[in-house]
Amino acid sequence: MILVLNLKMNLTKNNIVEYEQLIHDKKVVVLPQYPYLLFFNREGKQYSLGSQDVSKYNKGSYTGEVCAKGLRSLGVKYSLIGHSERKQYFNETIDDFRMKIQNAMDNDIIPIYCISQSEEEYANDKELRQIENQLEAIPNYLKYIIIAFEPEWLIGKDDINIDYDHLNKVMVRIKDWLIERHMNHSILYGGGVSSNNIDELKHINCIDGFIISSSALDKEEFNSIYNNINN
């Protein structure tokens, strides 16, 4: 199973080296802040390197942006695209994500495309139209993509009640959509993943792995989750 560690804006130079040592011999995908990408390139590492975002522009005068070509030159193999926090705080749209996916592909970076769902949509969108609308950002000729489904109201939460029937329904819908378009893919789940529920989550239909954030920062939680999905 795939395990993606989204470190968000956590860790600094003072503790990033220690974190790298924690995951050095583990087969995970780590997504640090941009300044620390080069700290995750030690010889002999088992993990793969990813970025938390990528510019929708290939090149040009876009101060503050980081292009896919630049990321690939640092050894980045994966990029998160379309996280719900990018929608909420930066007003990014499906069109933005489509451009980012294209740029990642053009530079041999595998997109980890986030499909989100609000609590209101969970309650009212029984046909999962909103899920399919987000999938439309994926180019039809894509060779391989990773989809990460994250219910927005569960992200970063502890002690939660996951609706496993609904989760199974969403995962099957996403997989069917991708299969209909002959796309090679993996599907991840994120949102309240912990050592308390990982055993049940890993048996949900169509789940190929997980994306974790707060659990990735807790050494005991991380080790427990990692060991569970690799046994």
Protein backbone atom coordinates (compact mmCIF):
# COMPACT_ATOMS: atom_id res chain seq x y z
CA MET A 1 0.00 0.00 0.00
CA ILE A 2 1.03 3.59 -0.67
CA LEU A 3 1.51 5.89 2.32
CA VAL A 4 1.83 9.63 1.63
CA LEU A 5 3.06 11.96 4.38
CA ASN A 6 1.79 15.53 3.91
CA LEU A 7 3.89 17.56 6.34
CA LYS A 8 2.13 20.84 5.45
CA MET A 9 3.81 23.85 7.18
CA ASN A 10 5.25 21.75 9.98
CA LEU A 11 8.86 21.11 10.99
CA THR A 12 11.83 23.45 10.64
CA LYS A 13 15.52 23.03 9.89
CA ASN A 14 16.08 22.14 13.55
CA ASN A 15 13.96 18.96 13.43
CA ILE A 16 13.72 18.09 9.73
CA VAL A 17 16.94 16.02 9.83
CA GLU A 18 15.57 13.94 12.70
CA TYR A 19 12.35 13.36 10.75
CA GLU A 20 14.28 12.25 7.69
CA GLN A 21 16.07 9.69 9.86
CA LEU A 22 12.68 8.41 11.08
CA ILE A 23 11.49 7.60 7.54
CA HIS A 24 14.86 6.90 5.89
CA ASP A 25 14.32 3.13 5.60
CA LYS A 26 10.56 3.24 4.98
CA LYS A 27 8.75 3.00 1.66
CA VAL A 28 6.61 6.13 1.86
CA VAL A 29 6.11 9.31 -0.15
CA VAL A 30 7.08 12.40 1.87
CA LEU A 31 5.82 15.91 1.04
CA PRO A 32 7.87 18.51 2.95
CA GLN A 33 7.79 22.28 2.61
CA TYR A 34 9.68 23.55 -0.45
CA PRO A 35 12.77 24.80 1.49
CA TYR A 36 13.42 21.31 2.86
CA LEU A 37 13.18 19.23 -0.31
CA LEU A 38 16.95 18.83 -0.51
CA PHE A 39 17.07 17.53 3.07
CA PHE A 40 15.24 14.44 1.78
CA ASN A 41 17.82 13.23 -0.69
CA ARG A 42 20.23 11.23 1.44
CA GLU A 43 21.93 8.26 -0.13
CA GLY A 44 20.29 4.90 0.58
CA LYS A 45 16.83 6.29 1.27
CA GLN A 46 13.82 4.03 0.74
CA TYR A 47 11.18 6.77 0.57
CA SER A 48 10.18 8.83 -2.48
CA LEU A 49 10.06 12.62 -2.57
CA GLY A 50 7.00 14.68 -3.41
CA SER A 51 5.90 18.30 -3.28
CA GLN A 52 2.79 19.78 -1.69
CA ASP A 53 1.94 21.72 -4.83
CA VAL A 54 3.23 22.72 -8.27
CA SER A 55 2.70 25.80 -10.40
CA LYS A 56 0.15 25.74 -13.18
CA TYR A 57 2.71 27.63 -15.28
CA ASN A 58 5.62 25.94 -17.06
CA LYS A 59 7.87 29.00 -16.90
CA GLY A 60 7.75 32.77 -16.81
CA SER A 61 7.64 35.76 -14.48
CA TYR A 62 5.41 34.37 -11.74
CA THR A 63 7.14 35.40 -8.50
CA GLY A 64 6.68 32.88 -5.71
CA GLU A 65 5.65 30.02 -7.98
CA VAL A 66 7.61 26.76 -8.24
CA CYS A 67 7.61 25.06 -11.64
CA ALA A 68 7.43 21.33 -12.30
CA LYS A 69 10.77 21.32 -14.11
CA GLY A 70 12.48 22.85 -11.08
CA LEU A 71 10.89 20.31 -8.74
CA ARG A 72 11.88 17.40 -10.95
CA SER A 73 15.48 18.60 -10.96
CA LEU A 74 15.47 18.22 -7.15
CA GLY A 75 14.37 14.59 -7.35
CA VAL A 76 10.64 15.16 -6.86
CA LYS A 77 8.64 12.23 -8.23
CA TYR A 78 5.15 13.13 -7.00
CA SER A 79 3.12 16.30 -6.51
CA LEU A 80 -0.03 16.92 -4.55
CA ILE A 81 -2.58 18.81 -6.64
CA GLY A 82 -6.01 20.16 -5.73
CA HIS A 83 -5.95 19.83 -1.95
CA SER A 84 -9.09 21.24 -0.34
CA GLU A 85 -6.98 23.84 1.47
CA ARG A 86 -5.85 25.19 -1.91
CA LYS A 87 -9.51 25.61 -2.85
CA GLN A 88 -10.51 27.11 0.49
CA TYR A 89 -7.64 29.55 1.10
CA PHE A 90 -6.31 30.26 -2.40
CA ASN A 91 -9.52 30.01 -4.46
CA GLU A 92 -8.00 27.51 -6.89
CA THR A 93 -10.35 25.94 -9.41
CA ILE A 94 -10.76 22.84 -11.53
CA ASP A 95 -9.12 24.69 -14.43
CA ASP A 96 -6.07 25.43 -12.24
CA PHE A 97 -5.82 21.78 -11.27
CA ARG A 98 -6.09 20.64 -14.87
CA MET A 99 -3.14 22.85 -15.80
CA LYS A 100 -1.11 21.61 -12.81
CA ILE A 101 -1.79 17.98 -13.66
CA GLN A 102 -0.64 18.63 -17.24
CA ASN A 103 2.55 20.37 -16.09
CA ALA A 104 3.36 17.56 -13.67
CA MET A 105 2.86 14.94 -16.39
CA ASP A 106 5.01 16.85 -18.87
CA ASN A 107 7.89 16.72 -16.39
CA ASP A 108 7.54 13.06 -15.36
CA ILE A 109 6.00 13.92 -11.99
CA ILE A 110 3.12 11.69 -10.89
CA PRO A 111 0.09 13.76 -9.84
CA ILE A 112 -1.60 12.98 -6.53
CA TYR A 113 -4.91 14.61 -7.32
CA CYS A 114 -7.13 15.37 -4.34
CA ILE A 115 -10.87 14.82 -4.54
CA SER A 116 -12.62 16.50 -1.63
CA GLN A 117 -16.12 16.50 -0.22
CA SER A 118 -17.69 18.97 2.20
CA GLU A 119 -19.97 17.88 5.01
CA GLU A 120 -22.91 19.52 3.21
CA GLU A 121 -22.13 17.58 0.02
CA TYR A 122 -21.86 14.39 2.06
CA ALA A 123 -25.38 15.00 3.36
CA ASN A 124 -27.01 16.12 0.10
CA ASP A 125 -25.08 14.84 -2.94
CA LYS A 126 -26.27 11.25 -2.89
CA GLU A 127 -25.49 10.78 -6.58
CA LEU A 128 -21.86 11.88 -6.04
CA ARG A 129 -22.07 14.34 -8.93
CA GLN A 130 -19.65 16.68 -7.17
CA ILE A 131 -17.10 13.86 -7.00
CA GLU A 132 -17.40 13.21 -10.74
CA ASN A 133 -17.19 16.94 -11.51
CA GLN A 134 -13.76 17.06 -9.86
CA LEU A 135 -12.62 14.00 -11.79
CA GLU A 136 -13.26 15.89 -15.03
CA ALA A 137 -10.02 17.81 -14.42
CA ILE A 138 -8.05 14.69 -15.36
CA PRO A 139 -6.85 14.60 -19.00
CA ASN A 140 -8.19 11.57 -20.87
CA TYR A 141 -4.76 10.50 -22.15
CA LEU A 142 -3.16 10.29 -18.69
CA LYS A 143 -0.96 7.21 -18.27
CA TYR A 144 -1.13 6.96 -14.49
CA ILE A 145 -2.57 9.03 -11.67
CA ILE A 146 -3.02 8.77 -7.92
CA ILE A 147 -6.36 9.95 -6.54
CA ALA A 148 -6.63 10.98 -2.89
CA PHE A 149 -10.17 11.24 -1.52
CA GLU A 150 -10.45 13.43 1.59
CA PRO A 151 -13.70 14.41 3.34
CA GLU A 152 -12.98 18.01 4.34
CA TRP A 153 -14.60 17.87 7.77
CA LEU A 154 -12.48 14.90 8.83
CA ILE A 155 -9.06 16.29 7.88
CA GLY A 156 -6.82 16.63 10.92
CA LYS A 157 -9.47 15.31 13.29
CA ASP A 158 -9.06 12.68 16.00
CA ASP A 159 -11.68 10.42 17.56
CA ILE A 160 -14.04 10.53 14.59
CA ASN A 161 -16.79 8.34 13.22
CA ILE A 162 -16.15 7.47 9.60
CA ASP A 163 -19.13 6.45 7.48
CA TYR A 164 -17.57 3.31 6.00
CA ASP A 165 -20.56 2.54 3.76
CA HIS A 166 -20.35 6.00 2.20
CA LEU A 167 -16.57 5.76 1.87
CA ASN A 168 -16.89 2.45 0.06
CA LYS A 169 -19.48 3.97 -2.31
CA VAL A 170 -17.20 6.91 -3.12
CA MET A 171 -14.17 4.71 -3.71
CA VAL A 172 -16.07 2.41 -6.05
CA ARG A 173 -17.44 5.39 -8.00
CA ILE A 174 -13.97 6.87 -8.44
CA LYS A 175 -12.52 3.53 -9.54
CA ASP A 176 -15.35 2.90 -12.02
CA TRP A 177 -14.84 6.37 -13.52
CA LEU A 178 -11.12 5.73 -14.02
CA ILE A 179 -11.61 2.22 -15.40
CA GLU A 180 -14.17 3.46 -17.92
CA ARG A 181 -11.47 5.78 -19.27
CA HIS A 182 -8.78 3.07 -19.24
CA MET A 183 -6.57 4.98 -16.78
CA ASN A 184 -3.98 3.22 -14.66
CA HIS A 185 -4.43 4.50 -11.14
CA SER A 186 -4.15 4.15 -7.39
CA ILE A 187 -6.72 5.49 -4.93
CA LEU A 188 -5.83 6.81 -1.49
CA TYR A 189 -7.93 7.84 1.47
CA GLY A 190 -7.19 10.71 3.86
CA GLY A 191 -9.09 12.25 6.74
CA GLY A 192 -8.88 11.13 10.35
CA VAL A 193 -6.62 8.17 9.59
CA SER A 194 -5.16 6.85 12.85
CA SER A 195 -3.82 3.73 14.50
CA ASN A 196 -7.33 3.19 15.89
CA ASN A 197 -9.05 2.84 12.51
CA ILE A 198 -6.31 1.85 10.05
CA ASP A 199 -7.09 -1.84 10.32
CA GLU A 200 -10.69 -1.31 9.22
CA LEU A 201 -9.83 1.32 6.62
CA LYS A 202 -7.30 -0.83 4.80
CA HIS A 203 -9.99 -3.41 4.06
CA ILE A 204 -12.29 -0.91 2.32
CA ASN A 205 -12.87 -1.74 -1.35
CA CYS A 206 -10.55 -0.02 -3.84
CA ILE A 207 -8.28 1.66 -1.27
CA ASP A 208 -4.65 1.37 -2.37
CA GLY A 209 -3.16 3.47 0.41
CA PHE A 210 -3.48 6.54 2.60
CA ILE A 211 -2.46 10.17 2.91
CA ILE A 212 -1.82 11.36 6.47
CA SER A 213 -0.77 14.66 8.03
CA SER A 214 -1.14 14.97 11.80
CA SER A 215 -0.52 11.23 12.20
CA ALA A 216 2.64 11.61 10.13
CA LEU A 217 4.05 14.00 12.74
CA ASP A 218 3.50 11.68 15.70
CA LYS A 219 6.30 9.09 15.78
CA GLU A 220 4.25 6.38 17.52
CA GLU A 221 1.18 6.96 15.36
CA PHE A 222 3.21 6.97 12.17
CA ASN A 223 5.07 3.77 13.04
CA SER A 224 1.84 2.05 14.06
CA ILE A 225 0.08 2.97 10.79
CA TYR A 226 3.13 2.09 8.68
CA ASN A 227 3.60 -1.28 10.32
CA ASN A 228 -0.10 -2.11 10.04
CA ILE A 229 -0.36 -1.55 6.30
CA ASN A 230 2.90 -3.37 5.63
CA ASN A 231 1.99 -6.54 7.56
